[in-house]
Every structure is written in structure tokens, then in C-alpha cells.
C-alpha atoms as a PDB file:
ATOM      1  CA  MET A   1      14.062  25.335  13.686  1.00  0.00           C
ATOM      2  CA  SER A   2      14.691  22.355  15.851  1.00  0.00           C
ATOM      3  CA  MET A   3      13.494  18.618  14.925  1.00  0.00           C
ATOM      4  CA  THR A   4      10.939  18.782  17.511  1.00  0.00           C
ATOM      5  CA  ARG A   5       9.353  21.885  16.400  1.00  0.00           C
ATOM      6  CA  PHE A   6       9.496  20.795  12.826  1.00  0.00           C
ATOM      7  CA  VAL A   7       7.492  17.495  13.840  1.00  0.00           C
ATOM      8  CA  ALA A   8       5.130  19.416  15.865  1.00  0.00           C
ATOM      9  CA  ARG A   9       4.233  21.892  12.998  1.00  0.00           C
ATOM     10  CA  ARG A  10       4.080  18.968  10.588  1.00  0.00           C
ATOM     11  CA  LEU A  11       1.665  17.250  12.458  1.00  0.00           C
ATOM     12  CA  LEU A  12      -0.552  20.351  13.001  1.00  0.00           C
ATOM     13  CA  GLU A  13      -0.490  20.432   9.089  1.00  0.00           C
ATOM     14  CA  ILE A  14      -1.303  17.020   8.664  1.00  0.00           C
ATOM     15  CA  LEU A  15      -4.475  17.463  10.954  1.00  0.00           C
ATOM     16  CA  VAL A  16      -5.543  20.445   8.945  1.00  0.00           C
ATOM     17  CA  THR A  17      -4.967  18.516   5.689  1.00  0.00           C
ATOM     18  CA  LEU A  18      -6.903  15.477   6.918  1.00  0.00           C
ATOM     19  CA  PHE A  19      -9.742  17.787   7.775  1.00  0.00           C
ATOM     20  CA  ILE A  20      -9.816  18.946   4.356  1.00  0.00           C
ATOM     21  CA  ILE A  21      -9.525  15.549   2.814  1.00  0.00           C
ATOM     22  CA  ALA A  22     -12.414  14.357   4.915  1.00  0.00           C
ATOM     23  CA  THR A  23     -14.630  17.166   3.659  1.00  0.00           C
ATOM     24  CA  LEU A  24     -13.695  16.418   0.076  1.00  0.00           C
ATOM     25  CA  ILE A  25     -14.325  12.694   0.427  1.00  0.00           C
ATOM     26  CA  PHE A  26     -17.737  13.452   1.797  1.00  0.00           C
ATOM     27  CA  ILE A  27     -18.719  15.741  -1.013  1.00  0.00           C
ATOM     28  CA  LEU A  28     -17.390  13.742  -3.741  1.00  0.00           C
ATOM     29  CA  PHE A  29     -19.284  10.434  -2.573  1.00  0.00           C
ATOM     30  CA  ARG A  30     -22.625  12.372  -2.390  1.00  0.00           C
ATOM     31  CA  MET A  31     -21.809  13.636  -5.954  1.00  0.00           C
ATOM     32  CA  MET A  32     -21.879  10.127  -7.395  1.00  0.00           C
ATOM     33  CA  PRO A  33     -24.844   9.165  -9.237  1.00  0.00           C
ATOM     34  CA  GLY A  34     -27.136   6.619  -7.923  1.00  0.00           C
ATOM     35  CA  ASP A  35     -28.746   6.110  -4.548  1.00  0.00           C
ATOM     36  CA  PRO A  36     -27.045   4.381  -1.600  1.00  0.00           C
ATOM     37  CA  ALA A  37     -30.326   3.240  -0.061  1.00  0.00           C
ATOM     38  CA  SER A  38     -30.849   0.994  -3.018  1.00  0.00           C
ATOM     39  CA  ILE A  39     -28.101  -1.258  -1.509  1.00  0.00           C
ATOM     40  CA  VAL A  40     -30.064  -1.840   1.617  1.00  0.00           C
ATOM     41  CA  ILE A  41     -33.818  -1.215   0.617  1.00  0.00           C
ATOM     42  CA  SER A  42     -35.366  -3.772  -1.565  1.00  0.00           C
ATOM     43  CA  GLU A  43     -38.586  -2.921  -3.665  1.00  0.00           C
ATOM     44  CA  ASN A  44     -40.323  -5.654  -1.932  1.00  0.00           C
ATOM     45  CA  MET A  45     -40.022  -3.751   1.337  1.00  0.00           C
ATOM     46  CA  THR A  46     -42.942  -1.927   2.905  1.00  0.00           C
ATOM     47  CA  PRO A  47     -43.041   1.737   3.148  1.00  0.00           C
ATOM     48  CA  GLU A  48     -42.411   1.584   6.817  1.00  0.00           C
ATOM     49  CA  LEU A  49     -39.440  -0.593   6.765  1.00  0.00           C
ATOM     50  CA  ARG A  50     -37.795   1.317   4.001  1.00  0.00           C
ATOM     51  CA  ALA A  51     -38.235   4.528   6.063  1.00  0.00           C
ATOM     52  CA  LEU A  52     -36.784   2.674   9.138  1.00  0.00           C
ATOM     53  CA  LEU A  53     -33.737   1.477   7.123  1.00  0.00           C
ATOM     54  CA  ARG A  54     -33.254   4.970   5.772  1.00  0.00           C
ATOM     55  CA  GLU A  55     -33.462   6.292   9.340  1.00  0.00           C
ATOM     56  CA  ARG A  56     -31.090   3.621  10.668  1.00  0.00           C
ATOM     57  CA  PHE A  57     -28.351   4.686   8.273  1.00  0.00           C
ATOM     58  CA  GLY A  58     -28.869   8.446   8.589  1.00  0.00           C
ATOM     59  CA  LEU A  59     -30.019   8.727   5.011  1.00  0.00           C
ATOM     60  CA  ASP A  60     -33.353  10.722   5.925  1.00  0.00           C
ATOM     61  CA  LYS A  61     -31.244  13.548   7.383  1.00  0.00           C
ATOM     62  CA  PRO A  62     -30.229  16.682   5.211  1.00  0.00           C
ATOM     63  CA  LEU A  63     -26.711  16.867   3.774  1.00  0.00           C
ATOM     64  CA  TRP A  64     -25.581  19.399   6.389  1.00  0.00           C
ATOM     65  CA  GLU A  65     -26.689  17.258   9.239  1.00  0.00           C
ATOM     66  CA  GLN A  66     -25.015  14.149   7.791  1.00  0.00           C
ATOM     67  CA  TYR A  67     -21.930  16.066   7.437  1.00  0.00           C
ATOM     68  CA  LEU A  68     -21.874  17.147  11.174  1.00  0.00           C
ATOM     69  CA  ILE A  69     -22.563  13.576  12.254  1.00  0.00           C
ATOM     70  CA  TYR A  70     -19.902  12.315   9.993  1.00  0.00           C
ATOM     71  CA  MET A  71     -17.295  14.741  11.331  1.00  0.00           C
ATOM     72  CA  LYS A  72     -18.442  13.959  14.900  1.00  0.00           C
ATOM     73  CA  ASN A  73     -17.989  10.379  14.262  1.00  0.00           C
ATOM     74  CA  ILE A  74     -14.432  10.797  12.768  1.00  0.00           C
ATOM     75  CA  LEU A  75     -13.346  12.802  15.803  1.00  0.00           C
ATOM     76  CA  SER A  76     -14.561   9.900  18.145  1.00  0.00           C
ATOM     77  CA  GLY A  77     -12.750   7.287  16.095  1.00  0.00           C
ATOM     78  CA  GLU A  78     -16.230   5.659  14.902  1.00  0.00           C
ATOM     79  CA  PHE A  79     -16.591   5.487  10.862  1.00  0.00           C
ATOM     80  CA  GLY A  80     -20.187   4.395  11.033  1.00  0.00           C
ATOM     81  CA  LYS A  81     -21.927   1.123   9.796  1.00  0.00           C
ATOM     82  CA  SER A  82     -21.244  -0.212   6.309  1.00  0.00           C
ATOM     83  CA  PHE A  83     -24.410  -0.392   4.184  1.00  0.00           C
ATOM     84  CA  TYR A  84     -23.015  -3.561   2.104  1.00  0.00           C
ATOM     85  CA  TRP A  85     -21.928  -5.623   5.094  1.00  0.00           C
ATOM     86  CA  GLN A  86     -25.578  -5.827   6.787  1.00  0.00           C
ATOM     87  CA  GLY A  87     -24.628  -2.922   8.991  1.00  0.00           C
ATOM     88  CA  GLU A  88     -21.257  -4.101  10.354  1.00  0.00           C
ATOM     89  CA  ASN A  89     -19.067  -1.399  11.828  1.00  0.00           C
ATOM     90  CA  VAL A  90     -16.501  -0.071   9.103  1.00  0.00           C
ATOM     91  CA  ILE A  91     -13.661  -0.951  11.429  1.00  0.00           C
ATOM     92  CA  ASP A  92     -14.745  -4.677  11.891  1.00  0.00           C
ATOM     93  CA  VAL A  93     -14.893  -4.987   8.098  1.00  0.00           C
ATOM     94  CA  LEU A  94     -11.620  -3.495   7.502  1.00  0.00           C
ATOM     95  CA  LYS A  95      -9.946  -5.346  10.329  1.00  0.00           C
ATOM     96  CA  PRO A  96      -9.753  -9.009   8.862  1.00  0.00           C
ATOM     97  CA  ARG A  97      -8.580  -7.578   5.460  1.00  0.00           C
ATOM     98  CA  PHE A  98      -5.775  -5.487   6.890  1.00  0.00           C
ATOM     99  CA  LEU A  99      -3.309  -8.333   7.729  1.00  0.00           C
ATOM    100  CA  PRO A 100      -3.732  -9.977   4.317  1.00  0.00           C
ATOM    101  CA  THR A 101      -2.766  -6.609   2.775  1.00  0.00           C
ATOM    102  CA  VAL A 102      -0.003  -6.172   4.972  1.00  0.00           C
ATOM    103  CA  LEU A 103       1.245  -9.436   4.483  1.00  0.00           C
ATOM    104  CA  LEU A 104       1.250  -9.325   0.704  1.00  0.00           C
ATOM    105  CA  PHE A 105       1.732  -5.778  -0.646  1.00  0.00           C
ATOM    106  CA  THR A 106       3.640  -4.018   2.533  1.00  0.00           C
ATOM    107  CA  SER A 107       6.137  -7.007   2.493  1.00  0.00           C
ATOM    108  CA  GLY A 108       6.457  -7.097  -1.328  1.00  0.00           C
ATOM    109  CA  THR A 109       7.339  -3.527  -1.412  1.00  0.00           C
ATOM    110  CA  VAL A 110       9.959  -3.750   1.033  1.00  0.00           C
ATOM    111  CA  MET A 111      11.414  -6.690  -0.622  1.00  0.00           C
ATOM    112  CA  ALA A 112      11.354  -4.883  -4.000  1.00  0.00           C
ATOM    113  CA  TYR A 113      12.940  -1.895  -2.851  1.00  0.00           C
ATOM    114  CA  ALA A 114      15.571  -3.752  -0.927  1.00  0.00           C
ATOM    115  CA  LEU A 115      16.483  -5.793  -4.161  1.00  0.00           C
ATOM    116  CA  GLY A 116      16.162  -2.661  -6.279  1.00  0.00           C
ATOM    117  CA  ILE A 117      18.243  -0.438  -4.001  1.00  0.00           C
ATOM    118  CA  ASN A 118      21.034  -3.244  -3.789  1.00  0.00           C
ATOM    119  CA  LEU A 119      20.968  -3.893  -7.547  1.00  0.00           C
ATOM    120  CA  GLY A 120      21.007  -0.158  -8.258  1.00  0.00           C
ATOM    121  CA  ARG A 121      24.035   0.706  -6.403  1.00  0.00           C
ATOM    122  CA  VAL A 122      26.199  -2.337  -7.651  1.00  0.00           C
ATOM    123  CA  ILE A 123      25.216  -1.773 -11.445  1.00  0.00           C
ATOM    124  CA  ALA A 124      25.550   1.958 -11.182  1.00  0.00           C
ATOM    125  CA  TRP A 125      29.077   1.530  -9.699  1.00  0.00           C
ATOM    126  CA  LYS A 126      30.023  -0.613 -12.449  1.00  0.00           C
ATOM    127  CA  ARG A 127      28.358   0.735 -15.418  1.00  0.00           C
ATOM    128  CA  GLY A 128      28.521  -0.723 -18.998  1.00  0.00           C
ATOM    129  CA  GLY A 129      28.970  -4.331 -17.857  1.00  0.00           C
ATOM    130  CA  LYS A 130      27.050  -7.506 -18.632  1.00  0.00           C
ATOM    131  CA  LEU A 131      25.503  -7.310 -15.159  1.00  0.00           C
ATOM    132  CA  GLU A 132      24.023  -3.847 -15.740  1.00  0.00           C
ATOM    133  CA  TYR A 133      22.611  -5.010 -19.072  1.00  0.00           C
ATOM    134  CA  GLY A 134      21.275  -8.133 -17.910  1.00  0.00           C
ATOM    135  CA  VAL A 135      19.580  -6.630 -14.590  1.00  0.00           C
ATOM    136  CA  THR A 136      18.092  -3.712 -16.594  1.00  0.00           C
ATOM    137  CA  VAL A 137      16.663  -5.421 -19.464  1.00  0.00           C
ATOM    138  CA  GLY A 138      15.268  -8.520 -17.312  1.00  0.00           C
ATOM    139  CA  GLY A 139      13.723  -5.791 -14.924  1.00  0.00           C
ATOM    140  CA  LEU A 140      12.180  -3.850 -17.740  1.00  0.00           C
ATOM    141  CA  PHE A 141      10.725  -7.130 -19.277  1.00  0.00           C
ATOM    142  CA  PHE A 142       8.846  -7.738 -16.100  1.00  0.00           C
ATOM    143  CA  TYR A 143       7.966  -4.050 -15.348  1.00  0.00           C
ATOM    144  CA  THR A 144       6.298  -3.847 -18.934  1.00  0.00           C
ATOM    145  CA  MET A 145       4.230  -6.691 -18.379  1.00  0.00           C
ATOM    146  CA  PRO A 146       0.437  -6.016 -17.256  1.00  0.00           C
ATOM    147  CA  ILE A 147       0.443  -7.219 -13.543  1.00  0.00           C
ATOM    148  CA  PHE A 148      -2.833  -9.223 -14.374  1.00  0.00           C
ATOM    149  CA  TRP A 149      -1.103 -11.067 -17.139  1.00  0.00           C
ATOM    150  CA  LEU A 150       1.944 -11.889 -15.290  1.00  0.00           C
ATOM    151  CA  GLY A 151      -0.091 -13.156 -12.399  1.00  0.00           C
ATOM    152  CA  LEU A 152      -2.343 -15.297 -14.703  1.00  0.00           C
ATOM    153  CA  LEU A 153       1.092 -16.525 -16.377  1.00  0.00           C
ATOM    154  CA  ALA A 154       2.579 -17.494 -12.896  1.00  0.00           C
ATOM    155  CA  ILE A 155      -0.815 -19.255 -11.797  1.00  0.00           C
ATOM    156  CA  TRP A 156      -1.146 -21.093 -15.192  1.00  0.00           C
ATOM    157  CA  VAL A 157       2.668 -22.289 -14.937  1.00  0.00           C
ATOM    158  CA  PHE A 158       3.090 -22.975 -11.328  1.00  0.00           C
ATOM    159  CA  SER A 159      -0.290 -23.708 -10.010  1.00  0.00           C
ATOM    160  CA  PHE A 160      -2.237 -25.431 -13.216  1.00  0.00           C
ATOM    161  CA  LYS A 161       0.551 -27.165 -14.865  1.00  0.00           C
ATOM    162  CA  LEU A 162       3.371 -28.141 -12.277  1.00  0.00           C
ATOM    163  CA  ASP A 163       0.694 -27.923  -9.534  1.00  0.00           C
ATOM    164  CA  LEU A 164       3.507 -26.523  -7.100  1.00  0.00           C
ATOM    165  CA  PHE A 165       1.386 -23.762  -5.402  1.00  0.00           C
ATOM    166  CA  PRO A 166      -2.415 -23.282  -4.689  1.00  0.00           C
ATOM    167  CA  LEU A 167      -4.464 -21.367  -7.391  1.00  0.00           C
ATOM    168  CA  GLY A 168      -5.452 -18.604  -4.821  1.00  0.00           C
ATOM    169  CA  GLY A 169      -6.811 -17.723  -1.426  1.00  0.00           C
ATOM    170  CA  LEU A 170      -4.953 -17.084   1.895  1.00  0.00           C
ATOM    171  CA  LYS A 171      -5.806 -20.412   3.828  1.00  0.00           C
ATOM    172  CA  THR A 172      -6.360 -24.193   3.075  1.00  0.00           C
ATOM    173  CA  PRO A 173      -9.813 -24.764   4.546  1.00  0.00           C
ATOM    174  CA  GLU A 174      -9.182 -28.358   5.412  1.00  0.00           C
ATOM    175  CA  ILE A 175      -6.225 -27.053   7.703  1.00  0.00           C
ATOM    176  CA  TRP A 176      -7.933 -23.889   9.261  1.00  0.00           C
ATOM    177  CA  GLY A 177     -11.519 -25.653   9.560  1.00  0.00           C
ATOM    178  CA  ALA A 178     -10.467 -29.013  10.751  1.00  0.00           C
ATOM    179  CA  VAL A 179     -12.232 -30.616  13.878  1.00  0.00           C
ATOM    180  CA  VAL A 180      -8.908 -31.147  15.571  1.00  0.00           C
ATOM    181  CA  PRO A 181      -7.251 -27.573  15.308  1.00  0.00           C
ATOM    182  CA  ALA A 182      -3.705 -27.664  13.483  1.00  0.00           C
ATOM    183  CA  SER A 183      -0.650 -26.410  15.267  1.00  0.00           C
ATOM    184  CA  PHE A 184       0.406 -22.778  15.030  1.00  0.00           C
ATOM    185  CA  LEU A 185       3.459 -23.756  13.021  1.00  0.00           C
ATOM    186  CA  THR A 186       1.039 -25.658  10.512  1.00  0.00           C
ATOM    187  CA  LYS A 187      -0.865 -22.690  10.020  1.00  0.00           C
ATOM    188  CA  VAL A 188       1.915 -20.441   9.506  1.00  0.00           C
ATOM    189  CA  LEU A 189       3.580 -22.431   6.959  1.00  0.00           C
ATOM    190  CA  ASP A 190       0.092 -22.807   5.032  1.00  0.00           C
ATOM    191  CA  MET A 191       0.005 -19.099   5.044  1.00  0.00           C
ATOM    192  CA  GLY A 192       3.678 -18.975   3.641  1.00  0.00           C
ATOM    193  CA  TYR A 193       2.347 -21.467   0.994  1.00  0.00           C
ATOM    194  CA  HIS A 194      -0.243 -19.403  -0.280  1.00  0.00           C
ATOM    195  CA  LEU A 195       1.433 -16.256   0.141  1.00  0.00           C
ATOM    196  CA  PHE A 196       4.912 -17.287  -2.076  1.00  0.00           C
ATOM    197  CA  LEU A 197       3.226 -16.894  -5.634  1.00  0.00           C
ATOM    198  CA  PRO A 198       1.682 -13.725  -5.414  1.00  0.00           C
ATOM    199  CA  LEU A 199       4.369 -12.155  -3.294  1.00  0.00           C
ATOM    200  CA  THR A 200       6.965 -13.297  -5.861  1.00  0.00           C
ATOM    201  CA  VAL A 201       4.868 -11.961  -8.700  1.00  0.00           C
ATOM    202  CA  PHE A 202       4.251  -8.477  -6.993  1.00  0.00           C
ATOM    203  CA  THR A 203       7.910  -8.209  -6.014  1.00  0.00           C
ATOM    204  CA  VAL A 204       9.317  -9.016  -9.438  1.00  0.00           C
ATOM    205  CA  TRP A 205       6.852  -6.558 -11.182  1.00  0.00           C
ATOM    206  CA  ILE A 206       7.641  -3.497  -8.903  1.00  0.00           C
ATOM    207  CA  PHE A 207      11.402  -3.776  -8.097  1.00  0.00           C
ATOM    208  CA  THR A 208      12.492  -2.311 -11.420  1.00  0.00           C
ATOM    209  CA  GLY A 209      11.258   1.015 -10.544  1.00  0.00           C
ATOM    210  CA  SER A 210      13.398   1.407  -7.395  1.00  0.00           C
ATOM    211  CA  MET A 211      16.438  -0.135  -9.110  1.00  0.00           C
ATOM    212  CA  LEU A 212      16.392   2.251 -11.947  1.00  0.00           C
ATOM    213  CA  LEU A 213      15.896   5.334  -9.381  1.00  0.00           C
ATOM    214  CA  MET A 214      18.688   4.286  -7.171  1.00  0.00           C
ATOM    215  CA  LYS A 215      21.036   3.656 -10.160  1.00  0.00           C
ATOM    216  CA  ASN A 216      20.107   7.066 -11.678  1.00  0.00           C
ATOM    217  CA  SER A 217      20.623   8.637  -8.292  1.00  0.00           C
ATOM    218  CA  MET A 218      23.896   6.909  -7.866  1.00  0.00           C
ATOM    219  CA  LEU A 219      25.264   7.975 -11.277  1.00  0.00           C
ATOM    220  CA  ASP A 220      24.565  11.576 -10.262  1.00  0.00           C
ATOM    221  CA  THR A 221      26.124  11.236  -6.900  1.00  0.00           C
ATOM    222  CA  ILE A 222      29.561   9.532  -8.030  1.00  0.00           C
ATOM    223  CA  ARG A 223      30.198  12.610  -9.991  1.00  0.00           C
ATOM    224  CA  GLU A 224      30.379  14.667  -6.891  1.00  0.00           C
ATOM    225  CA  ASP A 225      33.596  16.176  -5.592  1.00  0.00           C
ATOM    226  CA  TYR A 226      33.294  14.420  -2.320  1.00  0.00           C
ATOM    227  CA  ILE A 227      33.396  11.081  -3.992  1.00  0.00           C
ATOM    228  CA  THR A 228      36.789  12.379  -5.852  1.00  0.00           C
ATOM    229  CA  THR A 229      38.092  13.381  -2.612  1.00  0.00           C
ATOM    230  CA  ALA A 230      37.308  10.083  -1.023  1.00  0.00           C
ATOM    231  CA  ARG A 231      39.235   8.141  -3.747  1.00  0.00           C
ATOM    232  CA  ALA A 232      42.122  10.711  -3.416  1.00  0.00           C
ATOM    233  CA  LYS A 233      42.350   9.667   0.237  1.00  0.00           C
ATOM    234  CA  GLY A 234      42.794   6.149  -0.944  1.00  0.00           C
ATOM    235  CA  LEU A 235      39.668   4.474   0.861  1.00  0.00           C
ATOM    236  CA  PRO A 236      38.638   1.278  -0.479  1.00  0.00           C
ATOM    237  CA  GLU A 237      36.108   1.353  -3.339  1.00  0.00           C
ATOM    238  CA  ARG A 238      33.555  -0.585  -1.315  1.00  0.00           C
ATOM    239  CA  THR A 239      33.638   1.969   1.451  1.00  0.00           C
ATOM    240  CA  ILE A 240      33.225   4.897  -1.103  1.00  0.00           C
ATOM    241  CA  ARG A 241      30.256   3.034  -2.598  1.00  0.00           C
ATOM    242  CA  ASP A 242      28.262   2.341   0.431  1.00  0.00           C
ATOM    243  CA  ARG A 243      29.237   4.961   3.150  1.00  0.00           C
ATOM    244  CA  HIS A 244      29.626   7.917   0.779  1.00  0.00           C
ATOM    245  CA  ALA A 245      27.724   7.296  -2.496  1.00  0.00           C
ATOM    246  CA  ALA A 246      24.874   5.093  -1.804  1.00  0.00           C
ATOM    247  CA  ARG A 247      23.890   6.904   1.275  1.00  0.00           C
ATOM    248  CA  ASN A 248      23.349  10.092  -0.279  1.00  0.00           C
ATOM    249  CA  ALA A 249      21.902   8.593  -3.310  1.00  0.00           C
ATOM    250  CA  LEU A 250      19.178   7.029  -1.232  1.00  0.00           C
ATOM    251  CA  LEU A 251      17.526  10.519  -0.669  1.00  0.00           C
ATOM    252  CA  PRO A 252      14.966  10.300  -3.782  1.00  0.00           C
ATOM    253  CA  VAL A 253      14.567   6.561  -3.277  1.00  0.00           C
ATOM    254  CA  VAL A 254      13.413   7.015   0.426  1.00  0.00           C
ATOM    255  CA  THR A 255      10.745   9.331  -0.843  1.00  0.00           C
ATOM    256  CA  SER A 256       9.606   6.918  -3.412  1.00  0.00           C
ATOM    257  CA  LEU A 257       9.678   4.065  -0.748  1.00  0.00           C
ATOM    258  CA  SER A 258       7.702   5.942   1.801  1.00  0.00           C
ATOM    259  CA  LEU A 259       4.824   6.676  -0.610  1.00  0.00           C
ATOM    260  CA  ALA A 260       4.871   3.125  -1.948  1.00  0.00           C
ATOM    261  CA  MET A 261       4.622   1.827   1.487  1.00  0.00           C
ATOM    262  CA  ALA A 262       1.666   3.865   2.352  1.00  0.00           C
ATOM    263  CA  PHE A 263      -0.100   3.173  -1.089  1.00  0.00           C
ATOM    264  CA  SER A 264       0.372  -0.448  -0.628  1.00  0.00           C
ATOM    265  CA  PHE A 265      -1.934  -0.407   2.367  1.00  0.00           C
ATOM    266  CA  ASN A 266      -4.864  -0.061  -0.328  1.00  0.00           C
ATOM    267  CA  GLY A 267      -3.823  -3.207  -1.690  1.00  0.00           C
ATOM    268  CA  GLY A 268      -3.961  -3.981  -5.541  1.00  0.00           C
ATOM    269  CA  VAL A 269      -7.407  -4.724  -6.993  1.00  0.00           C
ATOM    270  CA  LEU A 270      -6.040  -6.717  -9.950  1.00  0.00           C
ATOM    271  CA  THR A 271      -3.489  -8.858  -7.766  1.00  0.00           C
ATOM    272  CA  GLU A 272      -6.209  -9.721  -5.345  1.00  0.00           C
ATOM    273  CA  THR A 273      -8.714 -10.477  -7.844  1.00  0.00           C
ATOM    274  CA  ILE A 274      -6.327 -12.747  -9.820  1.00  0.00           C
ATOM    275  CA  PHE A 275      -5.132 -14.405  -6.669  1.00  0.00           C
ATOM    276  CA  SER A 276      -8.365 -14.355  -4.662  1.00  0.00           C
ATOM    277  CA  TRP A 277      -6.617 -12.491  -2.052  1.00  0.00           C
ATOM    278  CA  PRO A 278      -8.931 -11.202   0.880  1.00  0.00           C
ATOM    279  CA  GLY A 279      -7.456  -7.871   1.137  1.00  0.00           C
ATOM    280  CA  LEU A 280      -8.409  -3.917   1.348  1.00  0.00           C
ATOM    281  CA  GLY A 281      -7.914  -3.240  -2.469  1.00  0.00           C
ATOM    282  CA  ARG A 282     -11.011  -5.086  -3.725  1.00  0.00           C
ATOM    283  CA  THR A 283     -13.079  -3.998  -0.570  1.00  0.00           C
ATOM    284  CA  LEU A 284     -12.307  -0.346  -1.453  1.00  0.00           C
ATOM    285  CA  VAL A 285     -13.654  -0.834  -4.928  1.00  0.00           C
ATOM    286  CA  GLN A 286     -16.395  -2.711  -4.011  1.00  0.00           C
ATOM    287  CA  ALA A 287     -17.553  -0.429  -1.556  1.00  0.00           C
ATOM    288  CA  SER A 288     -17.376   2.709  -3.858  1.00  0.00           C
ATOM    289  CA  LEU A 289     -19.177   0.856  -6.627  1.00  0.00           C
ATOM    290  CA  SER A 290     -22.002  -0.196  -4.144  1.00  0.00           C
ATOM    291  CA  TYR A 291     -22.239   3.358  -2.706  1.00  0.00           C
ATOM    292  CA  ASP A 292     -21.406   2.166   0.664  1.00  0.00           C
ATOM    293  CA  TYR A 293     -20.484   5.581   1.845  1.00  0.00           C
ATOM    294  CA  PRO A 294     -19.337   4.728   5.509  1.00  0.00           C
ATOM    295  CA  LEU A 295     -16.803   2.134   4.412  1.00  0.00           C
ATOM    296  CA  ALA A 296     -15.471   4.123   1.578  1.00  0.00           C
ATOM    297  CA  GLN A 297     -15.000   7.248   3.508  1.00  0.00           C
ATOM    298  CA  GLY A 298     -13.410   5.326   6.345  1.00  0.00           C
ATOM    299  CA  ALA A 299     -10.911   3.535   4.249  1.00  0.00           C
ATOM    300  CA  PHE A 300      -9.946   6.261   2.135  1.00  0.00           C
ATOM    301  CA  LEU A 301      -9.470   8.476   5.110  1.00  0.00           C
ATOM    302  CA  LEU A 302      -7.212   5.904   6.528  1.00  0.00           C
ATOM    303  CA  LEU A 303      -5.415   5.685   3.446  1.00  0.00           C
ATOM    304  CA  ALA A 304      -4.739   9.489   3.483  1.00  0.00           C
ATOM    305  CA  ALA A 305      -3.609   9.286   7.112  1.00  0.00           C
ATOM    306  CA  VAL A 306      -1.162   6.536   6.472  1.00  0.00           C
ATOM    307  CA  VAL A 307       0.104   8.704   3.284  1.00  0.00           C
ATOM    308  CA  LEU A 308       0.799  11.786   5.162  1.00  0.00           C
ATOM    309  CA  ILE A 309       2.615  10.120   7.962  1.00  0.00           C
ATOM    310  CA  ALA A 310       4.685   8.286   5.588  1.00  0.00           C
ATOM    311  CA  VAL A 311       5.661  11.733   3.995  1.00  0.00           C
ATOM    312  CA  LEU A 312       6.533  13.055   7.442  1.00  0.00           C
ATOM    313  CA  PHE A 313       8.623  10.046   8.342  1.00  0.00           C
ATOM    314  CA  ALA A 314      10.700  10.467   4.925  1.00  0.00           C
ATOM    315  CA  ASP A 315      11.385  14.051   5.828  1.00  0.00           C
ATOM    316  CA  ILE A 316      12.670  13.018   9.357  1.00  0.00           C
ATOM    317  CA  LEU A 317      14.902  10.160   7.444  1.00  0.00           C
ATOM    318  CA  TYR A 318      16.150  12.672   5.146  1.00  0.00           C
ATOM    319  CA  ALA A 319      17.931  14.463   8.075  1.00  0.00           C
ATOM    320  CA  TYR A 320      19.567  11.215   9.037  1.00  0.00           C
ATOM    321  CA  LEU A 321      20.762  10.305   5.732  1.00  0.00           C
ATOM    322  CA  ASP A 322      21.996  13.648   4.868  1.00  0.00           C
ATOM    323  CA  PRO A 323      23.467  15.764   7.675  1.00  0.00           C
ATOM    324  CA  ARG A 324      23.387  18.926   5.473  1.00  0.00           C
ATOM    325  CA  ILE A 325      19.590  18.697   5.794  1.00  0.00           C
ATOM    326  CA  THR A 326      18.493  20.964   8.809  1.00  0.00           C
ATOM    327  CA  TYR A 327      15.042  21.967   9.862  1.00  0.00           C
END
């Protein structure tokens, strides 16, 4: 099977899977106890106003009709209006929270895996040394810490005691809300200033997983016959490590990275809460707890689509990293 046919078949499978996921999301949220109308309807409202609000949000229709409207909206790229955010479009609610999530969690995931892959291949190649012991113990020390405790500790030391970084947030109000607009460079530096501490905490916390995965994969790879053959040919050790061993050892790490990148789009509730970060993670939980069906459905469906596309990307990358893989 050619790569083009493989991608076309997988895209069709993704569409079918998304249809199933969208249906399950619709059913599961309707099975939750409670009434979403309580978010937008107050006890002090008149019966006429209550009926008008239920009609506006489509809560007066039977479930089968709500489902048809829901699927029609998805096909047209419209996810409805949020209950909690005063009837705003779901896309308009998610847009301003998307960039902060990408800045923090996606960049943190990339940095963590870049660090973990490079350290993993080095310590696996020189197994048994002090470097392996120090990196592994240090990584596990931070990895076993709860992220909320590590974040609070970082804030207490670097923000409260040393006053090196802000306590939280994404922007400095005095800079972004000044009467005289600040320069673009000033705003970028201000966001980087707020980003540094949560990004460092998140990167340090998750890099150990990629490092250990790369290390174990490298240890299995260096036992292969082609590594022995490469050494018999007299190739330099660095060439054998980077071009022969590391490239094949990357296969399981690629799967882990693609999924980590996809799930990073939902942010991290604890991290966003600790650092007062205005991202998607806290928004998703708030939407679920407040029975905000349109917002929660749209956000989870978007996350599912990103995960499925990331898996497809990993499959395509496999063929590039390992010529033995064909589709």
C-alpha cells in the first residue's frame, strides 16, 4: 500500500472515529446529574423569561432533536453558544485561551522531550557512569514530586522570597493596559518573564519520562546485529550512536511525543491554577462542572481531533525514521 492510500484510509477512519466520539460526548454529558439550565436561569426570573432562555439555548427540545442540531452544527463548524459565558460562541471563548496553552504546555513538552531524548541516548551509550546515575536520580526526584507541590515550592522560593519572577498570570497589567501603548518587544519580554517559571517547572517535571523511555529503547537497540556490524566497519562511535542507534531508538519515543503534544492542548488544571494561567485546562473543567454542554463538547471534540491527527503524524514519521516500515 502506498503512503497516499494509507493516509487517505486513515483520514477516513479518523472521520468515523470523530463521529463516534461526538456521539459519546453528547450522551455522556446528558447522563450527568443536574440541570444545565440552572446556570443561566435564576429562581427570581419570571416563567416567561425562563422559557425564553431555555428556548434560546435549545434546552426545550427533545434529546433526539438536540442531537441532530448538535451534529449539524459540528458539520458546519459551529459548536453553539456557551451557557456559562453569557451566550458567547464556543470558538470565541476558546480562542483567547488557546495561545497561553500552546505557549506553556506545548513548548514545555517539546523542550522536555528534546532534553530527555538527548540525555537518554548519551547515558544509555555510557551506561554505568556517574552521569547516568546523577541524571536518572535527579530526574526521578522531580518526576515523583506532585506538580502542584513543585509549582508552589518554585513560587515560594523564586517569586515570594527572591522576588525574581511574578506570582502568576500571563501579563503585567501596567504594561498591557497603559495609556501609552508599550512596544511590541516590551510586551513579548513581559510574556516571557511570566512564562519562564511555569515553563521551567513543567519541563523539569515531565522530561524524566522521555529520558527513561529513550534510554531503555537505546539499550535494546545497541544489542542489535547492525550495531555490531557498524562497529566492525570501524565507524566512529558518535556516528554509530546518532545515525544508527538513536534513529531507530526514537520510534517508541515518537509515539509518546505525539500523544503528549496532543494532550498538551488541554493544558493542565493544577499548573494553570497554581500559576493563574488563563489556558484551556481550567476552562474545560469549569465547563464540565457548570454543565456548559456546548463549551465542553466543543473543547473535548477538538482535543480528540488533535489526538487522532497526532497519531497519524506519528505513523507517517515512523516510515521516515525506519525504512523497514512500509504501508
